[in-house]
Protein backbone atom coordinates (compact mmCIF):
# COMPACT_ATOMS: atom_id res chain seq x y z
CA UNK A 1 -25.46 -25.82 -34.10
CA UNK A 2 -27.74 -28.20 -32.15
CA UNK A 3 -27.62 -31.80 -33.46
CA UNK A 4 -24.87 -31.00 -35.97
CA UNK A 5 -22.19 -33.67 -36.03
CA UNK A 6 -18.63 -32.59 -35.49
CA UNK A 7 -17.61 -34.04 -38.83
CA UNK A 8 -20.22 -31.83 -40.54
CA UNK A 9 -19.08 -28.67 -38.76
CA UNK A 10 -17.08 -26.49 -41.15
CA UNK A 11 -16.63 -23.12 -39.52
CA UNK A 12 -15.62 -20.06 -41.55
CA UNK A 13 -13.83 -16.92 -40.46
CA UNK A 14 -17.06 -14.93 -40.71
CA UNK A 15 -19.07 -17.39 -38.59
CA UNK A 16 -16.40 -17.40 -35.91
CA UNK A 17 -16.21 -13.60 -35.70
CA UNK A 18 -18.84 -12.26 -33.29
CA UNK A 19 -20.79 -9.11 -34.21
CA UNK A 20 -19.59 -6.15 -32.22
CA UNK A 21 -22.55 -4.26 -30.68
CA UNK A 22 -20.62 -1.04 -31.27
CA UNK A 23 -21.08 -1.59 -35.00
CA UNK A 24 -24.86 -1.53 -34.53
CA UNK A 25 -24.65 1.67 -32.50
CA UNK A 26 -22.33 3.30 -35.06
CA UNK A 27 -24.58 2.35 -37.99
CA UNK A 28 -27.69 3.57 -36.15
CA UNK A 29 -26.10 6.91 -35.27
CA UNK A 30 -24.74 7.36 -38.79
CA UNK A 31 -28.16 6.63 -40.32
CA UNK A 32 -29.86 9.03 -37.91
CA UNK A 33 -27.33 11.76 -38.70
CA UNK A 34 -27.82 11.33 -42.45
CA UNK A 35 -31.62 11.41 -42.01
CA UNK A 36 -31.40 14.63 -39.97
CA UNK A 37 -29.16 16.25 -42.59
CA UNK A 38 -31.57 15.27 -45.35
CA UNK A 39 -34.54 16.70 -43.41
CA UNK A 40 -32.68 19.93 -42.62
CA UNK A 41 -31.65 20.33 -46.26
CA UNK A 42 -35.21 19.64 -47.45
CA UNK A 43 -36.61 22.15 -44.96
CA UNK A 44 -34.08 24.77 -46.10
CA UNK A 45 -34.81 24.22 -49.78
CA UNK A 46 -38.60 23.94 -49.38
CA UNK A 47 -39.29 26.28 -46.46
CA UNK A 48 -41.58 28.44 -48.60
CA UNK A 49 -43.71 25.47 -49.61
CA UNK A 50 -43.81 24.19 -46.03
CA UNK A 51 -45.01 27.58 -44.80
CA UNK A 52 -47.71 27.73 -47.47
CA UNK A 53 -48.86 24.18 -46.66
CA UNK A 54 -49.12 25.11 -42.98
CA UNK A 55 -51.12 28.22 -43.89
CA UNK A 56 -53.64 26.22 -45.91
CA UNK A 57 -53.80 23.37 -43.38
CA UNK A 58 -54.64 25.69 -40.49
CA UNK A 59 -57.15 27.59 -42.57
CA UNK A 60 -58.99 24.40 -43.58
CA UNK A 61 -58.89 23.08 -40.01
CA UNK A 62 -60.54 26.21 -38.61
CA UNK A 63 -63.12 26.20 -41.39
CA UNK A 64 -64.11 22.61 -40.53
CA UNK A 65 -64.40 23.48 -36.84
CA UNK A 66 -66.48 26.55 -37.62
CA UNK A 67 -64.09 28.99 -35.97
CA UNK A 68 -64.13 31.44 -38.90
CA UNK A 69 -67.22 33.62 -39.01
CA UNK A 70 -68.98 34.02 -42.31
CA UNK A 71 -68.56 37.34 -44.06
CA UNK A 72 -68.99 38.70 -47.55
CA UNK A 73 -67.12 40.97 -49.94
CA UNK A 74 -70.30 42.01 -51.77
CA UNK A 75 -70.52 45.27 -49.85
CA UNK A 76 -67.20 46.46 -51.28
CA UNK A 77 -66.27 47.68 -54.75
CA UNK A 78 -62.92 45.88 -54.73
CA UNK A 79 -61.80 42.57 -53.29
CA UNK A 80 -58.46 43.98 -52.14
CA UNK A 81 -56.25 47.04 -52.01
CA UNK A 82 -52.69 46.16 -53.09
CA UNK A 83 -49.77 47.81 -51.29
CA UNK A 84 -46.43 47.41 -53.10
CA UNK A 85 -43.28 49.35 -53.89
CA UNK A 86 -42.27 50.72 -57.26
CA UNK A 87 -39.32 48.29 -57.50
CA UNK A 88 -41.79 45.36 -57.53
CA UNK A 89 -44.19 47.02 -59.97
CA UNK A 90 -43.21 44.80 -62.91
CA UNK A 91 -44.10 41.60 -61.06
CA UNK A 92 -47.29 43.09 -59.64
CA UNK A 93 -48.55 44.48 -62.96
CA UNK A 94 -47.41 41.70 -65.30
CA UNK A 95 -47.93 38.58 -63.17
CA UNK A 96 -49.87 39.18 -59.96
CA UNK A 97 -52.74 41.30 -61.30
CA UNK A 98 -53.44 39.27 -64.50
CA UNK A 99 -53.35 36.01 -62.55
CA UNK A 100 -55.85 37.09 -59.89
CA UNK A 101 -58.08 39.16 -62.15
CA UNK A 102 -58.42 36.14 -64.43
CA UNK A 103 -59.72 34.32 -61.35
CA UNK A 104 -62.48 36.91 -61.02
CA UNK A 105 -60.99 39.19 -58.37
CA UNK A 106 -61.13 42.97 -58.65
CA UNK A 107 -58.01 44.57 -57.21
CA UNK A 108 -57.27 48.22 -56.51
CA UNK A 109 -53.80 49.61 -57.31
CA UNK A 110 -52.75 53.23 -57.15
CA UNK A 111 -51.12 53.21 -60.62
CA UNK A 112 -54.43 52.45 -62.32
CA UNK A 113 -57.34 53.27 -60.03
CA UNK A 114 -56.47 56.40 -58.04
CA UNK A 115 -58.26 59.63 -58.96
CA UNK A 116 -56.20 62.15 -60.91
CA UNK A 117 -55.64 65.49 -59.20
CA UNK A 118 -56.27 64.11 -55.71
CA UNK A 119 -53.46 63.73 -53.17
CA UNK A 120 -52.09 60.25 -52.51
CA UNK A 121 -53.11 60.31 -48.88
CA UNK A 122 -56.70 61.20 -49.75
CA UNK A 123 -56.78 58.55 -52.47
CA UNK A 124 -55.50 55.90 -50.05
CA UNK A 125 -58.12 56.85 -47.47
CA UNK A 126 -60.90 56.82 -50.08
CA UNK A 127 -60.04 53.57 -51.78
CA UNK A 128 -59.24 51.62 -48.64
CA UNK A 129 -62.87 52.08 -47.68
CA UNK A 130 -63.89 50.55 -51.00
CA UNK A 131 -61.74 47.43 -50.53
CA UNK A 132 -62.64 44.32 -48.56
CA UNK A 133 -59.06 43.35 -47.78
CA UNK A 134 -55.51 44.65 -48.00
CA UNK A 135 -52.74 42.75 -49.79
CA UNK A 136 -49.22 43.76 -48.77
CA UNK A 137 -46.44 42.61 -51.12
CA UNK A 138 -43.19 42.73 -49.17
CA UNK A 139 -39.53 42.79 -50.19
CA UNK A 140 -36.31 44.56 -49.23
CA UNK A 141 -37.29 47.46 -51.46
CA UNK A 142 -40.70 47.62 -49.81
CA UNK A 143 -39.09 47.79 -46.35
CA UNK A 144 -36.83 50.64 -47.48
CA UNK A 145 -39.67 52.70 -48.99
CA UNK A 146 -40.97 55.43 -46.69
CA UNK A 147 -44.18 55.66 -48.70
CA UNK A 148 -44.86 51.93 -48.33
CA UNK A 149 -44.15 52.17 -44.61
CA UNK A 150 -46.71 54.97 -44.37
CA UNK A 151 -49.31 52.97 -46.30
CA UNK A 152 -48.71 50.00 -44.04
CA UNK A 153 -49.08 52.02 -40.86
CA UNK A 154 -52.10 53.89 -42.23
CA UNK A 155 -53.90 50.66 -43.10
CA UNK A 156 -53.19 49.05 -39.71
CA UNK A 157 -56.40 50.59 -38.43
CA UNK A 158 -58.31 48.21 -40.71
CA UNK A 159 -56.53 45.30 -39.07
CA UNK A 160 -57.37 46.55 -35.59
CA UNK A 161 -61.06 46.92 -36.48
CA UNK A 162 -61.60 43.82 -38.62
CA UNK A 163 -58.94 41.40 -37.42
CA UNK A 164 -55.82 40.05 -39.05
CA UNK A 165 -57.79 38.29 -41.80
CA UNK A 166 -58.30 41.74 -43.28
CA UNK A 167 -54.61 41.61 -44.22
CA UNK A 168 -52.93 39.22 -46.66
CA UNK A 169 -49.15 39.71 -46.46
CA UNK A 170 -47.13 38.18 -49.30
CA UNK A 171 -43.39 37.77 -48.92
CA UNK A 172 -42.23 38.34 -52.50
CA UNK A 173 -38.55 38.50 -51.57
CA UNK A 174 -37.04 37.69 -48.20
CA UNK A 175 -36.35 40.84 -46.19
CA UNK A 176 -32.84 41.14 -44.74
CA UNK A 177 -32.59 41.65 -41.01
CA UNK A 178 -31.10 45.14 -41.44
CA UNK A 179 -34.19 46.23 -43.38
CA UNK A 180 -36.71 44.56 -41.04
CA UNK A 181 -38.44 47.60 -39.58
CA UNK A 182 -40.66 47.31 -36.52
CA UNK A 183 -44.10 47.57 -38.25
CA UNK A 184 -43.23 44.78 -40.69
CA UNK A 185 -41.78 42.60 -37.94
CA UNK A 186 -44.95 43.05 -35.91
CA UNK A 187 -47.12 42.26 -38.93
CA UNK A 188 -45.23 39.04 -39.68
CA UNK A 189 -45.36 37.90 -36.07
CA UNK A 190 -49.09 38.44 -35.69
CA UNK A 191 -50.50 37.75 -39.15
CA UNK A 192 -50.33 34.62 -41.34
CA UNK A 193 -48.43 35.34 -44.54
CA UNK A 194 -47.77 33.59 -47.84
CA UNK A 195 -44.30 33.19 -49.30
CA UNK A 196 -43.82 33.64 -53.04
CA UNK A 197 -42.50 30.57 -54.81
CA UNK A 198 -41.65 29.80 -58.43
CA UNK A 199 -41.17 26.41 -60.04
CA UNK A 200 -42.03 23.57 -57.64
CA UNK A 201 -44.66 24.90 -55.27
CA UNK A 202 -45.85 27.75 -57.49
CA UNK A 203 -49.36 26.30 -57.81
CA UNK A 204 -49.48 25.98 -54.05
CA UNK A 205 -48.53 29.66 -53.70
CA UNK A 206 -51.36 30.85 -55.94
CA UNK A 207 -53.82 28.54 -54.20
CA UNK A 208 -52.83 30.01 -50.82
CA UNK A 209 -53.21 33.57 -52.17
CA UNK A 210 -56.65 32.89 -53.65
CA UNK A 211 -57.92 31.20 -50.50
CA UNK A 212 -56.42 33.99 -48.41
CA UNK A 213 -58.45 36.57 -50.32
CA UNK A 214 -61.61 34.48 -50.13
CA UNK A 215 -61.18 33.76 -46.42
CA UNK A 216 -64.01 35.39 -44.42
CA UNK A 217 -63.13 37.99 -41.83
CA UNK A 218 -62.99 36.46 -38.40
CA UNK A 219 -60.60 34.60 -36.16
CA UNK A 220 -57.64 33.62 -38.40
CA UNK A 221 -55.00 30.89 -38.03
CA UNK A 222 -51.97 31.80 -35.98
CA UNK A 223 -48.90 32.96 -37.92
CA UNK A 224 -46.57 30.17 -39.09
């Protein structure tokens, strides 16, 4: 109020009430709490998309740095061998296969490609050798299937010989803790995987799957 004459000074109740510093602290804390809640809610709702973004980001980073050795799928008859349970067959046959085969990939599935009159174990052994990679489509039903567990354990030798890029795990449906068997838990902890998403983020899911199949064998990104 420097140089203001007393006769011109007309104080109001608001101007005479000092601002309490506690108000600033309370507003700051409240804003921070709301921001944290919004971020937590967004992470909960979009965790699948976040995971897929991280997968692609790490893959592109390692490609730029030259950490992934070049390799080719030309020496194999199929791009990938698909491991899935019968309960997920409808999604695999009607959505997954048409989508990827329209992109030019050749996938091997037991329902269509196995030799008639040959045992399943022999067919798995034969056709795994013809496939560049292994795609594992996981769900609660997959975790409960003894046959799928056997296929997963049988194909782990490929991972040990060629590295974790030889595997492309896809989490079709979240597996409950009570169904999380040791081989699957180990696979998820040591191998990058893609989470299925519909609606917002679906394009990102398919992009991650396609790039995961195309990714050369070598040193992969760490699991996210």
